[in-house]
Amino acid sequence: YFYAGHYHKDAGNEGDEHEFRLVHAIQHYALAAQTASQYHYQGMDSTALNQHFSTVAMLMAEDVWNDSSSDRQAQAAPNKKNTSRQWVKDENAIAAGTWMLAFLDSLLHWEERSGAKSFVEILSPSHKHFVGKLWQHLSLAVRQQSVKLVLSSASPECTSSAETTTGDGACVIRSLPRFIGPTRSKRLQTGSMLVKSLERPKVVVGEMELTIPMDTNGNDGLASSGRRSKRRRS
């Protein structure tokens, strides 16, 4: 999944007509996170996976969410701030947004499955390539539409005869995939503090929005008492 994501990421920057390949890049990164989130890991394995996802976040920041032309300009003028990518087609931006939510959902779910014993580096608000910072690169309209598609209260299904569903939570629109849920993380559900933050004009996500729900026995899941774990990072 990582290699396929890298391939589509590079191909997506070959011209406007290849923009749809960026959607496939985020899709494959999300599928990598989905696969990783299904297992428990020992310390060294968890650290290695964290490093892989930190690298992916850096590549997405540089080659997907930022305007690639601004990256070249930044090399010539290091003090100039990068600008967000201006998507040629809204449908590509929205589809990419749904897969970014899928990526986030799997990383959140991974933390929750660990029982707050391990944390994902790029889910720390202080991380340079924090997922919340990457999400800010999409326009408000695109972000809200992406959230709506993923967190719809209706059963996940495609919405027109031109769309078909696949086994990995994707809805394919004329060969353009988008994630249609459902989400697995308790923090990425309709009405949650995190989701509300992701839909605001300015994305501000702090430790409160990322607190892992815990039950009284230390297992993932909300307890009737509403107790929650604290996020501790080394």
Protein backbone atom coordinates (compact mmCIF):
# COMPACT_ATOMS: atom_id res chain seq x y z
CA TYR A 1 0.00 0.00 0.00
CA PHE A 2 2.81 2.42 0.83
CA TYR A 3 4.58 1.83 -2.49
CA ALA A 4 1.33 2.11 -4.46
CA GLY A 5 0.57 5.36 -2.64
CA HIS A 6 4.01 6.77 -3.47
CA TYR A 7 3.55 5.79 -7.13
CA HIS A 8 0.19 7.54 -7.47
CA LYS A 9 1.44 10.57 -5.51
CA ASP A 10 4.28 11.13 -7.95
CA ALA A 11 2.06 10.47 -10.98
CA GLY A 12 -0.55 12.91 -9.67
CA ASN A 13 1.92 15.77 -9.90
CA GLU A 14 2.63 15.23 -13.60
CA GLY A 15 -0.10 17.65 -14.71
CA ASP A 16 -3.70 18.69 -14.10
CA GLU A 17 -5.05 15.76 -16.10
CA HIS A 18 -3.40 13.40 -13.59
CA GLU A 19 -4.86 15.08 -10.51
CA PHE A 20 -7.18 12.12 -9.86
CA ARG A 21 -4.09 10.01 -9.10
CA LEU A 22 -3.65 11.98 -5.88
CA VAL A 23 -6.97 10.52 -4.71
CA HIS A 24 -5.58 7.04 -5.29
CA ALA A 25 -2.46 7.99 -3.36
CA ILE A 26 -4.43 9.00 -0.26
CA GLN A 27 -6.63 5.91 -0.70
CA HIS A 28 -3.63 3.58 -0.56
CA TYR A 29 -2.15 5.38 2.46
CA ALA A 30 -5.53 5.02 4.17
CA LEU A 31 -5.66 1.32 3.32
CA ALA A 32 -2.17 0.91 4.81
CA ALA A 33 -3.40 2.54 8.02
CA GLN A 34 -6.53 0.40 7.98
CA THR A 35 -4.44 -2.77 7.73
CA ALA A 36 -2.02 -1.66 10.43
CA SER A 37 -4.84 -0.78 12.83
CA GLN A 38 -6.09 -4.37 12.91
CA TYR A 39 -3.16 -5.65 14.97
CA HIS A 40 -1.38 -5.16 18.27
CA TYR A 41 2.37 -4.53 18.15
CA GLN A 42 5.41 -4.86 20.35
CA GLY A 43 7.35 -1.68 21.16
CA MET A 44 9.92 -1.79 18.33
CA ASP A 45 7.34 -2.76 15.71
CA SER A 46 5.04 0.03 16.84
CA THR A 47 7.92 2.52 16.64
CA ALA A 48 8.82 1.38 13.12
CA LEU A 49 5.22 1.73 11.92
CA ASN A 50 5.01 5.16 13.51
CA GLN A 51 8.06 6.20 11.51
CA HIS A 52 6.46 4.96 8.29
CA PHE A 53 3.28 6.97 8.90
CA SER A 54 5.27 10.05 9.88
CA THR A 55 7.07 9.77 6.54
CA VAL A 56 3.73 9.38 4.74
CA ALA A 57 2.38 12.50 6.47
CA MET A 58 5.46 14.45 5.36
CA LEU A 59 5.04 13.28 1.76
CA MET A 60 1.35 14.16 1.77
CA ALA A 61 2.16 17.60 3.14
CA GLU A 62 4.77 18.24 0.46
CA ASP A 63 3.29 16.56 -2.60
CA VAL A 64 -0.49 16.35 -2.11
CA TRP A 65 -1.90 19.04 0.15
CA ASN A 66 0.60 21.76 -0.73
CA ASP A 67 0.81 23.24 -4.20
CA SER A 68 3.76 21.50 -5.85
CA SER A 69 4.66 24.68 -7.71
CA SER A 70 4.85 26.53 -4.39
CA ASP A 71 7.29 23.89 -3.18
CA ARG A 72 9.59 24.74 -6.06
CA GLN A 73 9.20 28.42 -5.30
CA ALA A 74 9.98 27.73 -1.64
CA GLN A 75 13.27 26.14 -2.65
CA ALA A 76 14.19 29.35 -4.44
CA ALA A 77 12.83 31.52 -1.60
CA PRO A 78 13.08 29.51 1.66
CA ASN A 79 11.28 32.17 3.71
CA LYS A 80 8.18 32.07 1.52
CA LYS A 81 5.30 30.07 3.00
CA ASN A 82 3.87 27.15 0.99
CA THR A 83 0.32 27.51 -0.30
CA SER A 84 -2.45 24.94 -0.33
CA ARG A 85 -3.06 23.02 -3.53
CA GLN A 86 -5.68 24.55 -5.79
CA TRP A 87 -7.62 21.52 -6.95
CA VAL A 88 -8.72 21.58 -10.59
CA LYS A 89 -11.78 19.44 -9.90
CA ASP A 90 -13.82 19.63 -6.71
CA GLU A 91 -14.76 15.96 -7.03
CA ASN A 92 -11.08 15.06 -6.74
CA ALA A 93 -10.64 17.25 -3.67
CA ILE A 94 -13.74 15.80 -1.99
CA ALA A 95 -12.72 12.22 -2.75
CA ALA A 96 -9.25 12.91 -1.35
CA GLY A 97 -10.89 14.43 1.72
CA THR A 98 -12.92 11.28 2.35
CA TRP A 99 -9.79 9.14 2.20
CA MET A 100 -7.97 11.52 4.52
CA LEU A 101 -10.78 10.93 7.01
CA ALA A 102 -10.35 7.18 6.49
CA PHE A 103 -6.62 7.57 7.17
CA LEU A 104 -7.33 9.56 10.33
CA ASP A 105 -10.01 7.10 11.44
CA SER A 106 -7.68 4.11 11.25
CA LEU A 107 -4.90 5.87 13.17
CA LEU A 108 -7.36 6.91 15.88
CA HIS A 109 -8.74 3.36 16.00
CA TRP A 110 -5.19 1.99 16.33
CA GLU A 111 -4.63 4.13 19.42
CA GLU A 112 -7.95 3.08 20.90
CA ARG A 113 -7.24 -0.63 20.35
CA SER A 114 -3.94 -0.25 22.21
CA GLY A 115 -5.79 0.81 25.36
CA ALA A 116 -3.89 4.12 25.44
CA LYS A 117 -0.62 2.21 25.74
CA SER A 118 0.80 3.58 22.50
CA PHE A 119 0.21 6.76 20.54
CA VAL A 120 0.59 7.71 16.89
CA GLU A 121 3.11 10.51 16.46
CA ILE A 122 1.23 12.38 13.73
CA LEU A 123 -1.88 12.55 15.96
CA SER A 124 -0.02 14.89 18.28
CA PRO A 125 -1.08 18.54 17.70
CA SER A 126 2.55 19.57 18.19
CA HIS A 127 3.81 17.37 15.34
CA LYS A 128 4.99 19.28 12.27
CA HIS A 129 2.81 17.14 10.01
CA PHE A 130 -0.10 16.65 12.38
CA VAL A 131 -3.08 15.26 10.47
CA GLY A 132 -5.21 18.21 11.62
CA LYS A 133 -2.78 20.63 9.98
CA LEU A 134 -2.94 18.70 6.71
CA TRP A 135 -6.76 18.77 6.82
CA GLN A 136 -6.66 22.58 6.96
CA HIS A 137 -5.29 22.65 3.40
CA LEU A 138 -8.72 21.74 2.03
CA SER A 139 -11.35 24.45 1.61
CA LEU A 140 -14.16 24.67 4.16
CA ALA A 141 -16.76 23.55 1.59
CA VAL A 142 -14.70 20.51 0.61
CA ARG A 143 -14.03 19.57 4.23
CA GLN A 144 -17.67 19.80 5.19
CA GLN A 145 -18.79 17.80 2.15
CA SER A 146 -16.18 15.11 2.85
CA VAL A 147 -17.32 14.80 6.46
CA LYS A 148 -20.95 14.64 5.35
CA LEU A 149 -20.25 11.80 2.92
CA VAL A 150 -18.27 9.77 5.44
CA LEU A 151 -20.44 10.34 8.49
CA SER A 152 -23.88 10.20 6.88
CA SER A 153 -26.48 8.78 9.25
CA ALA A 154 -27.82 6.62 6.45
CA SER A 155 -26.34 3.20 5.73
CA PRO A 156 -23.26 3.61 3.51
CA GLU A 157 -24.27 3.23 -0.08
CA CYS A 158 -23.57 4.78 -3.44
CA THR A 159 -25.91 7.50 -4.60
CA SER A 160 -26.27 7.05 -8.35
CA SER A 161 -26.27 4.42 -11.07
CA ALA A 162 -22.76 5.58 -12.01
CA GLU A 163 -21.41 4.44 -8.64
CA THR A 164 -20.56 1.03 -7.23
CA THR A 165 -19.37 -0.11 -3.82
CA THR A 166 -16.29 -2.18 -3.05
CA GLY A 167 -15.30 -4.30 -0.08
CA ASP A 168 -13.00 -1.74 1.55
CA GLY A 169 -15.57 0.96 2.29
CA ALA A 170 -15.10 2.70 -1.03
CA CYS A 171 -17.64 4.10 -3.45
CA VAL A 172 -16.29 4.23 -7.00
CA ILE A 173 -17.56 7.07 -9.16
CA ARG A 174 -16.55 6.53 -12.77
CA SER A 175 -13.31 4.92 -11.50
CA LEU A 176 -12.80 7.66 -8.85
CA PRO A 177 -12.89 6.06 -5.38
CA ARG A 178 -14.14 7.78 -2.26
CA PHE A 179 -14.46 6.47 1.28
CA ILE A 180 -18.07 6.16 2.48
CA GLY A 181 -17.56 4.82 6.01
CA PRO A 182 -18.51 3.73 8.48
CA THR A 183 -15.78 5.05 10.75
CA ARG A 184 -14.48 2.82 13.56
CA SER A 185 -12.96 5.36 15.93
CA LYS A 186 -15.18 6.56 18.76
CA ARG A 187 -13.61 9.99 18.36
CA LEU A 188 -14.62 10.31 14.72
CA GLN A 189 -18.38 10.00 15.03
CA THR A 190 -21.16 12.47 14.25
CA GLY A 191 -21.30 15.22 16.86
CA SER A 192 -17.95 14.41 18.48
CA MET A 193 -15.65 17.23 19.54
CA LEU A 194 -13.11 16.18 16.92
CA VAL A 195 -15.62 16.15 14.06
CA LYS A 196 -16.95 19.56 15.07
CA SER A 197 -13.40 20.92 14.98
CA LEU A 198 -12.75 19.42 11.53
CA GLU A 199 -15.84 21.19 10.15
CA ARG A 200 -14.99 24.66 11.45
CA PRO A 201 -13.62 27.40 9.15
CA LYS A 202 -10.35 27.26 11.09
CA VAL A 203 -9.32 23.78 12.16
CA VAL A 204 -8.16 23.84 15.77
CA VAL A 205 -7.60 20.39 17.23
CA GLY A 206 -6.06 20.03 20.67
CA GLU A 207 -5.53 17.32 23.26
CA MET A 208 -9.16 17.58 24.41
CA GLU A 209 -10.51 16.57 21.00
CA LEU A 210 -7.99 13.71 20.82
CA THR A 211 -8.53 12.27 24.30
CA ILE A 212 -9.02 8.53 24.04
CA PRO A 213 -12.34 7.23 25.47
CA MET A 214 -11.73 4.64 28.19
CA ASP A 215 -13.95 2.48 30.35
CA THR A 216 -13.39 1.85 34.03
CA ASN A 217 -11.49 -1.37 33.27
CA GLY A 218 -8.99 0.38 31.01
CA ASN A 219 -10.45 -0.97 27.79
CA ASP A 220 -11.22 1.14 24.79
CA GLY A 221 -14.81 2.32 24.69
CA LEU A 222 -16.87 4.90 26.51
CA ALA A 223 -17.87 4.03 30.03
CA SER A 224 -21.12 4.97 31.70
CA SER A 225 -19.04 7.11 34.04
CA GLY A 226 -17.63 9.01 31.09
CA ARG A 227 -14.06 8.61 32.30
CA ARG A 228 -11.42 9.18 29.64
CA SER A 229 -7.73 8.41 29.37
CA LYS A 230 -5.07 11.07 29.24
CA ARG A 231 -2.73 11.28 26.31
CA ARG A 232 0.86 10.86 27.47
CA ARG A 233 3.68 11.12 24.98
CA SER A 234 7.35 10.46 25.40
